[in-house]
Amino acid sequence: MLGLLGFYDELDDRSSQPSGSIRDAVRPVGEPDEADLVVYLDAGHVLIDVMEAGHDVITGSTHRHSPGCSSLATDGAWLWRLDFPHYLETHHVALPQTFLEHVRS
């Protein structure tokens, strides 16, 4: 079973998403290797490509992942939205320890 990253309530019109509210995940600073984690996520394989444009649900601004933002990417073990790296690099959202261990190994 794939682990899920960044499926927040604010990114879907259905409540009770697996990651809860993005506002609860925002942190003032990121992991020491956050830039490497963003590169890792950006290199994920697109599993489902969605043609749409979105915006940052916290600031309302567009960002580099706005086009196709809800497309799904994977590394074979984890699944995330294409815009998840934006929330990591911009808002330093918390990551599951099991994901960090997976990437760092």
C-alpha atoms as a PDB file:
ATOM      1  CA  MET A   1       0.000   0.000   0.000  1.00  0.00           C
ATOM      2  CA  LEU A   2       1.294   3.474  -0.888  1.00  0.00           C
ATOM      3  CA  GLY A   3       1.883   6.035   1.841  1.00  0.00           C
ATOM      4  CA  LEU A   4       0.068   9.347   1.296  1.00  0.00           C
ATOM      5  CA  LEU A   5       1.657  12.807   1.493  1.00  0.00           C
ATOM      6  CA  GLY A   6      -0.088  16.161   1.515  1.00  0.00           C
ATOM      7  CA  PHE A   7      -3.716  15.229   0.946  1.00  0.00           C
ATOM      8  CA  TYR A   8      -5.065  18.156   2.971  1.00  0.00           C
ATOM      9  CA  ASP A   9      -8.688  19.174   3.578  1.00  0.00           C
ATOM     10  CA  GLU A  10      -8.178  22.546   1.874  1.00  0.00           C
ATOM     11  CA  LEU A  11      -7.030  20.917  -1.377  1.00  0.00           C
ATOM     12  CA  ASP A  12     -10.222  18.928  -1.899  1.00  0.00           C
ATOM     13  CA  ASP A  13     -13.908  19.751  -1.694  1.00  0.00           C
ATOM     14  CA  ARG A  14     -14.387  16.725   0.568  1.00  0.00           C
ATOM     15  CA  SER A  15     -13.415  17.095   4.212  1.00  0.00           C
ATOM     16  CA  SER A  16     -11.531  14.560   6.328  1.00  0.00           C
ATOM     17  CA  GLN A  17      -8.598  14.078   3.980  1.00  0.00           C
ATOM     18  CA  PRO A  18      -5.804  11.743   5.177  1.00  0.00           C
ATOM     19  CA  SER A  19      -3.431  14.610   6.102  1.00  0.00           C
ATOM     20  CA  GLY A  20      -6.049  16.767   7.855  1.00  0.00           C
ATOM     21  CA  SER A  21      -5.804  20.558   7.646  1.00  0.00           C
ATOM     22  CA  ILE A  22      -2.765  22.088   5.989  1.00  0.00           C
ATOM     23  CA  ARG A  23      -2.823  24.834   8.609  1.00  0.00           C
ATOM     24  CA  ASP A  24      -1.968  22.240  11.258  1.00  0.00           C
ATOM     25  CA  ALA A  25       1.003  21.032   9.190  1.00  0.00           C
ATOM     26  CA  VAL A  26       2.665  24.431   8.566  1.00  0.00           C
ATOM     27  CA  ARG A  27       5.909  25.001  10.478  1.00  0.00           C
ATOM     28  CA  PRO A  28       8.151  28.067  10.784  1.00  0.00           C
ATOM     29  CA  VAL A  29      11.224  26.183   9.500  1.00  0.00           C
ATOM     30  CA  GLY A  30      11.738  23.027   7.498  1.00  0.00           C
ATOM     31  CA  GLU A  31      13.914  19.972   7.792  1.00  0.00           C
ATOM     32  CA  PRO A  32      17.676  20.667   7.492  1.00  0.00           C
ATOM     33  CA  ASP A  33      17.665  18.803   4.166  1.00  0.00           C
ATOM     34  CA  GLU A  34      14.387  20.306   2.934  1.00  0.00           C
ATOM     35  CA  ALA A  35      15.855  21.413  -0.416  1.00  0.00           C
ATOM     36  CA  ASP A  36      16.917  17.816  -1.113  1.00  0.00           C
ATOM     37  CA  LEU A  37      13.468  16.555  -0.113  1.00  0.00           C
ATOM     38  CA  VAL A  38      11.856  19.007  -2.565  1.00  0.00           C
ATOM     39  CA  VAL A  39      14.174  17.778  -5.346  1.00  0.00           C
ATOM     40  CA  TYR A  40      13.204  14.189  -4.483  1.00  0.00           C
ATOM     41  CA  LEU A  41       9.479  14.995  -4.680  1.00  0.00           C
ATOM     42  CA  ASP A  42       9.910  16.968  -7.907  1.00  0.00           C
ATOM     43  CA  ALA A  43      11.539  13.882  -9.451  1.00  0.00           C
ATOM     44  CA  GLY A  44       8.519  11.657  -8.730  1.00  0.00           C
ATOM     45  CA  HIS A  45       6.855   9.789 -11.569  1.00  0.00           C
ATOM     46  CA  VAL A  46       3.524  11.266 -12.656  1.00  0.00           C
ATOM     47  CA  LEU A  47       0.878   8.610 -12.174  1.00  0.00           C
ATOM     48  CA  ILE A  48      -2.232  10.638 -13.072  1.00  0.00           C
ATOM     49  CA  ASP A  49      -1.973  13.888 -15.022  1.00  0.00           C
ATOM     50  CA  VAL A  50      -4.779  16.394 -14.373  1.00  0.00           C
ATOM     51  CA  MET A  51      -5.225  19.391 -16.657  1.00  0.00           C
ATOM     52  CA  GLU A  52      -6.095  22.270 -14.332  1.00  0.00           C
ATOM     53  CA  ALA A  53      -4.584  25.270 -12.629  1.00  0.00           C
ATOM     54  CA  GLY A  54      -4.622  25.955  -8.932  1.00  0.00           C
ATOM     55  CA  HIS A  55      -3.259  28.322  -6.330  1.00  0.00           C
ATOM     56  CA  ASP A  56      -1.655  28.211  -2.909  1.00  0.00           C
ATOM     57  CA  VAL A  57      -4.542  27.550  -0.511  1.00  0.00           C
ATOM     58  CA  ILE A  58      -2.838  29.556   2.238  1.00  0.00           C
ATOM     59  CA  THR A  59      -1.724  32.685   0.352  1.00  0.00           C
ATOM     60  CA  GLY A  60      -3.975  32.536  -2.718  1.00  0.00           C
ATOM     61  CA  SER A  61      -0.994  33.068  -5.037  1.00  0.00           C
ATOM     62  CA  THR A  62       0.004  31.012  -8.041  1.00  0.00           C
ATOM     63  CA  HIS A  63       3.241  29.061  -7.872  1.00  0.00           C
ATOM     64  CA  ARG A  64       5.495  26.880 -10.006  1.00  0.00           C
ATOM     65  CA  HIS A  65       3.243  23.847  -9.433  1.00  0.00           C
ATOM     66  CA  SER A  66      -0.041  25.651 -10.189  1.00  0.00           C
ATOM     67  CA  PRO A  67      -0.488  23.997 -13.615  1.00  0.00           C
ATOM     68  CA  GLY A  68      -1.695  20.453 -13.017  1.00  0.00           C
ATOM     69  CA  CYS A  69      -1.556  20.936  -9.258  1.00  0.00           C
ATOM     70  CA  SER A  70      -3.711  17.938  -8.333  1.00  0.00           C
ATOM     71  CA  SER A  71      -1.907  15.528 -10.648  1.00  0.00           C
ATOM     72  CA  LEU A  72      -0.529  12.592  -8.693  1.00  0.00           C
ATOM     73  CA  ALA A  73       3.126  11.586  -8.462  1.00  0.00           C
ATOM     74  CA  THR A  74       4.815   8.617  -6.829  1.00  0.00           C
ATOM     75  CA  ASP A  75       8.159   7.038  -6.058  1.00  0.00           C
ATOM     76  CA  GLY A  76       6.590   3.583  -5.886  1.00  0.00           C
ATOM     77  CA  ALA A  77       6.229   3.690  -2.107  1.00  0.00           C
ATOM     78  CA  TRP A  78       4.576   7.083  -1.531  1.00  0.00           C
ATOM     79  CA  LEU A  79       1.900   9.081  -3.383  1.00  0.00           C
ATOM     80  CA  TRP A  80       1.568  12.894  -3.413  1.00  0.00           C
ATOM     81  CA  ARG A  81      -0.063  15.710  -5.330  1.00  0.00           C
ATOM     82  CA  LEU A  82       2.127  17.484  -7.846  1.00  0.00           C
ATOM     83  CA  ASP A  83       1.864  20.700  -5.809  1.00  0.00           C
ATOM     84  CA  PHE A  84       3.048  19.082  -2.563  1.00  0.00           C
ATOM     85  CA  PRO A  85       6.691  20.184  -3.062  1.00  0.00           C
ATOM     86  CA  HIS A  86       5.447  23.793  -3.167  1.00  0.00           C
ATOM     87  CA  TYR A  87       3.893  23.467   0.280  1.00  0.00           C
ATOM     88  CA  LEU A  88       7.032  21.822   1.599  1.00  0.00           C
ATOM     89  CA  GLU A  89       9.434  24.481   0.285  1.00  0.00           C
ATOM     90  CA  THR A  90       7.160  27.458   0.989  1.00  0.00           C
ATOM     91  CA  HIS A  91       5.316  26.537   4.185  1.00  0.00           C
ATOM     92  CA  HIS A  92       7.651  23.826   5.530  1.00  0.00           C
ATOM     93  CA  VAL A  93       4.779  21.383   6.094  1.00  0.00           C
ATOM     94  CA  ALA A  94       5.517  18.510   8.430  1.00  0.00           C
ATOM     95  CA  LEU A  95       6.474  15.181   6.886  1.00  0.00           C
ATOM     96  CA  PRO A  96       5.837  11.696   8.294  1.00  0.00           C
ATOM     97  CA  GLN A  97       8.912  10.212   9.940  1.00  0.00           C
ATOM     98  CA  THR A  98       8.517   7.048   7.866  1.00  0.00           C
ATOM     99  CA  PHE A  99       8.738   9.112   4.664  1.00  0.00           C
ATOM    100  CA  LEU A 100      11.858  10.896   5.919  1.00  0.00           C
ATOM    101  CA  GLU A 101      13.490   7.571   6.790  1.00  0.00           C
ATOM    102  CA  HIS A 102      12.546   6.163   3.358  1.00  0.00           C
ATOM    103  CA  VAL A 103      14.058   9.096   1.450  1.00  0.00           C
ATOM    104  CA  ARG A 104      17.146   9.437   3.596  1.00  0.00           C
ATOM    105  CA  SER A 105      18.004   5.755   3.303  1.00  0.00           C
END
